[in-house]
C-alpha atoms as a PDB file:
ATOM      1  CA  MET A   1      25.108   6.297   6.976  1.00  0.00           C
ATOM      2  CA  ARG A   2      25.352   4.074   3.912  1.00  0.00           C
ATOM      3  CA  ASP A   3      24.391   4.766   0.306  1.00  0.00           C
ATOM      4  CA  TYR A   4      21.522   2.830  -1.266  1.00  0.00           C
ATOM      5  CA  GLU A   5      19.649   2.739  -4.546  1.00  0.00           C
ATOM      6  CA  LEU A   6      15.875   2.315  -4.443  1.00  0.00           C
ATOM      7  CA  THR A   7      13.870   1.470  -7.538  1.00  0.00           C
ATOM      8  CA  TYR A   8      10.118   1.113  -7.334  1.00  0.00           C
ATOM      9  CA  ILE A   9       7.293   0.579  -9.818  1.00  0.00           C
ATOM     10  CA  VAL A  10       3.990   2.436  -9.514  1.00  0.00           C
ATOM     11  CA  HIS A  11       0.743   1.113 -11.007  1.00  0.00           C
ATOM     12  CA  PRO A  12       0.184   2.476 -14.567  1.00  0.00           C
ATOM     13  CA  GLN A  13      -3.330   3.772 -13.820  1.00  0.00           C
ATOM     14  CA  VAL A  14      -1.883   6.419 -11.487  1.00  0.00           C
ATOM     15  CA  ASP A  15      -1.934   9.821 -13.226  1.00  0.00           C
ATOM     16  CA  ARG A  16       0.895  12.368 -13.246  1.00  0.00           C
ATOM     17  CA  GLU A  17      -0.298  14.232 -10.138  1.00  0.00           C
ATOM     18  CA  GLY A  18      -0.754  10.956  -8.281  1.00  0.00           C
ATOM     19  CA  LEU A  19       2.717   9.819  -9.294  1.00  0.00           C
ATOM     20  CA  GLU A  20       4.251  13.077  -8.066  1.00  0.00           C
ATOM     21  CA  ALA A  21       2.387  12.671  -4.770  1.00  0.00           C
ATOM     22  CA  ILE A  22       3.712   9.120  -4.352  1.00  0.00           C
ATOM     23  CA  VAL A  23       7.268  10.278  -5.087  1.00  0.00           C
ATOM     24  CA  GLU A  24       6.911  13.007  -2.444  1.00  0.00           C
ATOM     25  CA  GLU A  25       5.493  10.480   0.059  1.00  0.00           C
ATOM     26  CA  VAL A  26       8.408   8.098  -0.498  1.00  0.00           C
ATOM     27  CA  ASN A  27      10.908  10.963  -0.148  1.00  0.00           C
ATOM     28  CA  ALA A  28       9.223  12.047   3.103  1.00  0.00           C
ATOM     29  CA  LEU A  29       9.284   8.435   4.305  1.00  0.00           C
ATOM     30  CA  VAL A  30      13.040   8.192   3.712  1.00  0.00           C
ATOM     31  CA  GLU A  31      13.638  11.493   5.502  1.00  0.00           C
ATOM     32  CA  SER A  32      11.415  10.489   8.446  1.00  0.00           C
ATOM     33  CA  THR A  33      13.599   7.425   9.038  1.00  0.00           C
ATOM     34  CA  GLY A  34      16.685   9.630   9.258  1.00  0.00           C
ATOM     35  CA  GLY A  35      17.756   9.220   5.646  1.00  0.00           C
ATOM     36  CA  VAL A  36      18.718  11.671   2.933  1.00  0.00           C
ATOM     37  CA  VAL A  37      17.487  11.605  -0.679  1.00  0.00           C
ATOM     38  CA  HIS A  38      20.387  12.506  -2.989  1.00  0.00           C
ATOM     39  CA  LYS A  39      18.760  12.045  -6.389  1.00  0.00           C
ATOM     40  CA  VAL A  40      15.324  11.241  -7.855  1.00  0.00           C
ATOM     41  CA  GLU A  41      14.981  10.012 -11.446  1.00  0.00           C
ATOM     42  CA  PRO A  42      11.535   9.184 -12.830  1.00  0.00           C
ATOM     43  CA  TRP A  43      12.145   6.756 -15.690  1.00  0.00           C
ATOM     44  CA  GLY A  44       8.607   6.951 -17.033  1.00  0.00           C
ATOM     45  CA  LEU A  45       6.131   4.311 -18.121  1.00  0.00           C
ATOM     46  CA  ARG A  46       7.870   1.078 -19.169  1.00  0.00           C
ATOM     47  CA  ARG A  47       6.833  -2.444 -20.032  1.00  0.00           C
ATOM     48  CA  LEU A  48       7.471  -5.023 -17.308  1.00  0.00           C
ATOM     49  CA  ALA A  49       9.487  -8.164 -17.994  1.00  0.00           C
ATOM     50  CA  TYR A  50       6.569 -10.275 -16.749  1.00  0.00           C
ATOM     51  CA  PRO A  51       3.036  -9.463 -15.547  1.00  0.00           C
ATOM     52  CA  ILE A  52       2.660  -8.473 -11.891  1.00  0.00           C
ATOM     53  CA  GLN A  53      -0.909  -8.647 -10.555  1.00  0.00           C
ATOM     54  CA  LYS A  54      -2.130  -8.822 -14.180  1.00  0.00           C
ATOM     55  CA  VAL A  55      -0.349  -5.529 -14.971  1.00  0.00           C
ATOM     56  CA  ARG A  56       2.106  -5.336 -17.872  1.00  0.00           C
ATOM     57  CA  GLU A  57       3.398  -1.724 -17.535  1.00  0.00           C
ATOM     58  CA  GLY A  58       4.450   0.548 -14.699  1.00  0.00           C
ATOM     59  CA  HIS A  59       5.936   3.934 -13.829  1.00  0.00           C
ATOM     60  CA  TYR A  60       9.538   3.345 -12.772  1.00  0.00           C
ATOM     61  CA  VAL A  61      11.174   5.677 -10.233  1.00  0.00           C
ATOM     62  CA  PHE A  62      14.846   5.523  -9.205  1.00  0.00           C
ATOM     63  CA  LEU A  63      16.224   7.055  -5.991  1.00  0.00           C
ATOM     64  CA  ARG A  64      19.757   7.444  -4.740  1.00  0.00           C
ATOM     65  CA  LEU A  65      19.690   7.821  -0.960  1.00  0.00           C
ATOM     66  CA  GLY A  66      21.596   7.582   2.279  1.00  0.00           C
ATOM     67  CA  LEU A  67      20.152   5.519   5.143  1.00  0.00           C
ATOM     68  CA  GLU A  68      21.134   3.878   8.377  1.00  0.00           C
ATOM     69  CA  SER A  69      20.808   0.096   8.280  1.00  0.00           C
ATOM     70  CA  GLY A  70      17.744   0.150  10.564  1.00  0.00           C
ATOM     71  CA  GLY A  71      15.999   2.601   8.232  1.00  0.00           C
ATOM     72  CA  VAL A  72      16.093   0.143   5.333  1.00  0.00           C
ATOM     73  CA  ALA A  73      13.695  -2.255   7.036  1.00  0.00           C
ATOM     74  CA  GLU A  74      11.308   0.594   7.884  1.00  0.00           C
ATOM     75  CA  VAL A  75      11.294   1.900   4.288  1.00  0.00           C
ATOM     76  CA  GLU A  76      10.690  -1.603   2.905  1.00  0.00           C
ATOM     77  CA  ARG A  77       7.829  -2.201   5.348  1.00  0.00           C
ATOM     78  CA  ALA A  78       6.153   1.081   4.397  1.00  0.00           C
ATOM     79  CA  LEU A  79       6.559   0.440   0.649  1.00  0.00           C
ATOM     80  CA  LYS A  80       4.885  -2.963   1.008  1.00  0.00           C
ATOM     81  CA  LEU A  81       1.844  -1.205   2.510  1.00  0.00           C
ATOM     82  CA  LYS A  82       1.500   1.341  -0.327  1.00  0.00           C
ATOM     83  CA  GLU A  83      -1.037  -0.085  -2.775  1.00  0.00           C
ATOM     84  CA  PRO A  84       0.065   1.885  -5.885  1.00  0.00           C
ATOM     85  CA  VAL A  85       3.651   0.576  -5.497  1.00  0.00           C
ATOM     86  CA  ILE A  86       3.589  -2.857  -7.114  1.00  0.00           C
ATOM     87  CA  ARG A  87       7.316  -3.690  -6.701  1.00  0.00           C
ATOM     88  CA  HIS A  88      10.390  -2.184  -5.053  1.00  0.00           C
ATOM     89  CA  LEU A  89      14.058  -3.043  -4.606  1.00  0.00           C
ATOM     90  CA  ILE A  90      16.649  -1.498  -2.286  1.00  0.00           C
ATOM     91  CA  VAL A  91      20.296  -2.251  -3.046  1.00  0.00           C
ATOM     92  CA  ARG A  92      23.356  -1.115  -1.084  1.00  0.00           C
ATOM     93  CA  VAL A  93      25.905   0.734  -3.214  1.00  0.00           C
ATOM     94  CA  GLU A  94      29.444  -0.564  -2.744  1.00  0.00           C
ATOM     95  CA  GLU A  95      32.028   2.121  -2.295  1.00  0.00           C
END
């Protein structure tokens, strides 16, 4: 199992309860692929560097997790299908 960092941006029109639900869904997604969530850090509403789908702000969420290499593709595929998630990035942490 390798360590990864996942950062994703949720649409700004999602309220607090909706954001918490999305965070729980992403955590459950990671765990269903055989991964482990080590740390969750909501960074709050921030301005984007450039507009994405005519949106200028987003709720940033940072995760530190452990995944097998096959689980990364499954997590990325599922995040692409979630409409409130407008961007995501998974990066392997070098040891």
